[in-house]
Amino acid sequence: MGLTTRRPTRVALALVAVLLLLALHDGWRWRAAQRLNDAIVAGRPPAGDEAQAPAELRFAQAHALAASGAVDAALTRYGALRGDAALGRAARYNSANLLLRQAVELRARSQPGQALALVELAKEQYREVLRADPADWPARYNLERALRLLPDADADDEAPPDLKRDAERAATTMRGYSPGLP
């Protein structure tokens, strides 16, 4: 009888030990996430070394910089994330949005020449996003808005027409043809 009562007790203790280990692991991960959240709110890397900060933290800091009005610093941070596989497309999309907003603001003021360059940069960023994911509808919509601000030049408009004065033209040299209709 003693053997049968020990086995369930040992199984229960083993389960409690496993649950305790899982709770400790979960608590450790929660604390690490809390440190990252505190770093985002404070605007600094968690360990004081920005190169070691996770890409998600650097993305959140760039977003916070953009929201606070530090557009150039945000564009720099987004640019550093372009090579990241998970956040690279989102960083390009957000930087294109920032560039387009800056262009609209400059266009409203007295500097429309600078706005043209920013719109071109934004269009290129949106196209990079769409090359990676052609079904990205927000990027398509914003590219369309950028194209309405500054349409692309047609290839026909860029090249001057070939106007040779003595060139034979088909419409003027074609002999009349009557299909026999009245």
Protein backbone atom coordinates (compact mmCIF):
# COMPACT_ATOMS: atom_id res chain seq x y z
CA MET A 1 0.00 0.00 0.00
CA GLY A 2 2.84 2.40 0.77
CA LEU A 3 4.14 2.13 -2.75
CA THR A 4 0.90 3.22 -4.35
CA THR A 5 0.58 6.38 -2.21
CA ARG A 6 4.14 7.49 -2.92
CA ARG A 7 3.81 7.45 -6.69
CA PRO A 8 0.98 10.04 -6.96
CA THR A 9 2.79 12.23 -4.45
CA ARG A 10 5.98 12.13 -6.49
CA VAL A 11 4.10 12.89 -9.70
CA ALA A 12 2.36 15.82 -8.02
CA LEU A 13 5.66 17.17 -6.69
CA ALA A 14 7.27 16.81 -10.11
CA LEU A 15 4.37 18.71 -11.70
CA VAL A 16 4.64 21.46 -9.09
CA ALA A 17 8.39 21.72 -9.74
CA VAL A 18 7.85 21.97 -13.51
CA LEU A 19 5.14 24.60 -13.03
CA LEU A 20 7.44 26.54 -10.71
CA LEU A 21 10.24 26.49 -13.31
CA LEU A 22 7.82 27.65 -16.02
CA ALA A 23 6.57 30.45 -13.76
CA LEU A 24 10.16 31.57 -13.11
CA HIS A 25 10.92 31.56 -16.84
CA ASP A 26 7.74 33.49 -17.58
CA GLY A 27 8.58 36.01 -14.86
CA TRP A 28 12.07 36.50 -16.29
CA ARG A 29 10.64 37.14 -19.78
CA TRP A 30 8.04 39.53 -18.34
CA ARG A 31 10.79 41.48 -16.55
CA ALA A 32 12.85 41.70 -19.77
CA ALA A 33 9.79 43.04 -21.63
CA GLN A 34 9.19 45.52 -18.81
CA ARG A 35 12.80 46.78 -19.11
CA LEU A 36 12.29 47.26 -22.87
CA ASN A 37 9.06 49.17 -22.27
CA ASP A 38 10.77 51.38 -19.70
CA ALA A 39 13.57 52.03 -22.19
CA ILE A 40 11.05 53.01 -24.87
CA VAL A 41 9.31 55.43 -22.52
CA ALA A 42 12.64 56.88 -21.38
CA GLY A 43 13.96 57.08 -24.95
CA ARG A 44 17.19 55.21 -24.23
CA PRO A 45 18.53 51.71 -24.87
CA PRO A 46 18.02 49.33 -21.94
CA ALA A 47 21.70 48.57 -21.30
CA GLY A 48 23.10 51.92 -22.40
CA ASP A 49 24.41 50.48 -25.67
CA GLU A 50 22.26 51.40 -28.66
CA ALA A 51 23.91 48.90 -30.99
CA GLN A 52 22.84 46.06 -28.71
CA ALA A 53 19.24 47.25 -28.51
CA PRO A 54 16.72 45.01 -30.28
CA ALA A 55 15.36 46.16 -33.61
CA GLU A 56 11.87 46.49 -32.14
CA LEU A 57 13.16 48.97 -29.57
CA ARG A 58 15.00 51.02 -32.21
CA PHE A 59 11.85 51.03 -34.36
CA ALA A 60 9.74 52.21 -31.42
CA GLN A 61 12.28 54.93 -30.64
CA ALA A 62 12.23 56.10 -34.26
CA HIS A 63 8.44 56.21 -34.14
CA ALA A 64 8.55 58.20 -30.90
CA LEU A 65 11.06 60.63 -32.44
CA ALA A 66 8.80 61.12 -35.44
CA ALA A 67 5.81 61.75 -33.19
CA SER A 68 7.75 64.33 -31.20
CA GLY A 69 8.76 66.22 -34.35
CA ALA A 70 12.41 65.16 -34.62
CA VAL A 71 11.98 64.06 -38.24
CA ASP A 72 15.65 63.98 -39.22
CA ALA A 73 16.60 61.79 -36.24
CA ALA A 74 13.64 59.51 -36.95
CA LEU A 75 14.65 59.17 -40.61
CA THR A 76 18.17 58.26 -39.52
CA ARG A 77 16.88 55.57 -37.15
CA TYR A 78 14.48 54.20 -39.75
CA GLY A 79 17.34 54.13 -42.27
CA ALA A 80 19.41 51.99 -39.91
CA LEU A 81 16.58 49.45 -39.80
CA ARG A 82 16.24 49.00 -43.57
CA GLY A 83 18.35 45.85 -43.56
CA ASP A 84 16.30 44.16 -40.85
CA ALA A 85 14.20 41.33 -42.25
CA ALA A 86 11.23 41.76 -39.95
CA LEU A 87 11.02 45.55 -39.68
CA GLY A 88 12.78 46.77 -42.83
CA ARG A 89 9.63 47.18 -44.90
CA ALA A 90 7.80 48.96 -42.08
CA ALA A 91 10.78 51.26 -41.58
CA ARG A 92 10.82 52.16 -45.30
CA TYR A 93 7.06 52.77 -45.26
CA ASN A 94 7.25 55.01 -42.18
CA SER A 95 10.20 56.97 -43.54
CA ALA A 96 8.34 57.49 -46.83
CA ASN A 97 5.36 58.79 -44.87
CA LEU A 98 7.63 61.21 -43.01
CA LEU A 99 9.18 62.42 -46.26
CA LEU A 100 5.76 62.94 -47.85
CA ARG A 101 4.51 64.89 -44.82
CA GLN A 102 7.60 67.10 -44.95
CA ALA A 103 7.04 67.67 -48.67
CA VAL A 104 3.43 68.72 -48.12
CA GLU A 105 4.51 71.15 -45.39
CA LEU A 106 7.29 72.63 -47.57
CA ARG A 107 4.94 72.91 -50.52
CA ALA A 108 2.47 74.86 -48.41
CA ARG A 109 5.23 77.27 -47.41
CA SER A 110 7.48 79.16 -49.75
CA GLN A 111 9.88 76.27 -50.60
CA PRO A 112 8.21 74.15 -53.26
CA GLY A 113 11.55 73.29 -54.88
CA GLN A 114 12.69 71.32 -51.85
CA ALA A 115 9.33 69.60 -51.71
CA LEU A 116 9.92 68.08 -55.15
CA ALA A 117 13.01 66.23 -53.99
CA LEU A 118 11.25 64.92 -50.89
CA VAL A 119 8.29 63.66 -52.93
CA GLU A 120 10.68 61.83 -55.27
CA LEU A 121 12.41 60.20 -52.30
CA ALA A 122 9.05 59.20 -50.81
CA LYS A 123 7.92 57.70 -54.13
CA GLU A 124 11.09 55.62 -54.32
CA GLN A 125 10.59 54.39 -50.74
CA TYR A 126 6.98 53.38 -51.50
CA ARG A 127 8.14 51.56 -54.62
CA GLU A 128 10.71 49.63 -52.58
CA VAL A 129 7.96 48.58 -50.18
CA LEU A 130 5.76 47.52 -53.09
CA ARG A 131 8.59 45.54 -54.70
CA ALA A 132 8.80 43.49 -51.52
CA ASP A 133 5.02 43.15 -51.14
CA PRO A 134 2.87 44.19 -54.11
CA ALA A 135 -0.31 43.67 -52.08
CA ASP A 136 0.55 46.37 -49.53
CA TRP A 137 -2.49 48.61 -50.05
CA PRO A 138 -1.49 51.44 -47.69
CA ALA A 139 1.79 51.81 -49.62
CA ARG A 140 -0.13 51.77 -52.92
CA TYR A 141 -2.50 54.45 -51.69
CA ASN A 142 0.31 56.68 -50.43
CA LEU A 143 2.27 56.20 -53.66
CA GLU A 144 -0.83 57.32 -55.55
CA ARG A 145 -1.05 60.41 -53.35
CA ALA A 146 2.64 61.15 -53.99
CA LEU A 147 2.08 60.69 -57.73
CA ARG A 148 -0.78 63.19 -57.59
CA LEU A 149 1.54 65.70 -55.95
CA LEU A 150 4.30 65.09 -58.47
CA PRO A 151 3.48 62.87 -61.47
CA ASP A 152 6.26 60.86 -63.05
CA ALA A 153 7.60 62.18 -66.31
CA ASP A 154 6.58 60.09 -69.32
CA ALA A 155 9.34 58.57 -71.38
CA ASP A 156 7.82 60.18 -74.49
CA ASP A 157 7.98 63.64 -72.89
CA GLU A 158 11.64 63.30 -71.97
CA ALA A 159 12.96 62.55 -75.46
CA PRO A 160 12.57 65.28 -78.07
CA PRO A 161 10.56 64.20 -81.08
CA ASP A 162 12.49 63.23 -84.19
CA LEU A 163 11.51 65.91 -86.71
CA LYS A 164 13.21 65.32 -90.01
CA ARG A 165 11.83 67.69 -92.56
CA ASP A 166 12.35 65.50 -95.60
CA ALA A 167 11.35 62.22 -93.96
CA GLU A 168 8.65 60.34 -95.77
CA ARG A 169 5.42 60.05 -93.82
CA ALA A 170 3.06 57.18 -94.31
CA ALA A 171 -0.10 59.25 -93.97
CA THR A 172 0.90 61.76 -96.64
CA THR A 173 2.30 59.29 -99.17
CA MET A 174 -0.38 56.66 -98.95
CA ARG A 175 -2.38 56.33 -102.10
CA GLY A 176 -6.11 56.62 -101.83
CA TYR A 177 -7.97 53.37 -101.52
CA SER A 178 -11.66 53.04 -102.06
CA PRO A 179 -13.31 49.93 -100.68
CA GLY A 180 -16.17 50.40 -103.15
CA LEU A 181 -18.71 51.78 -100.77
CA PRO A 182 -21.09 54.52 -102.01
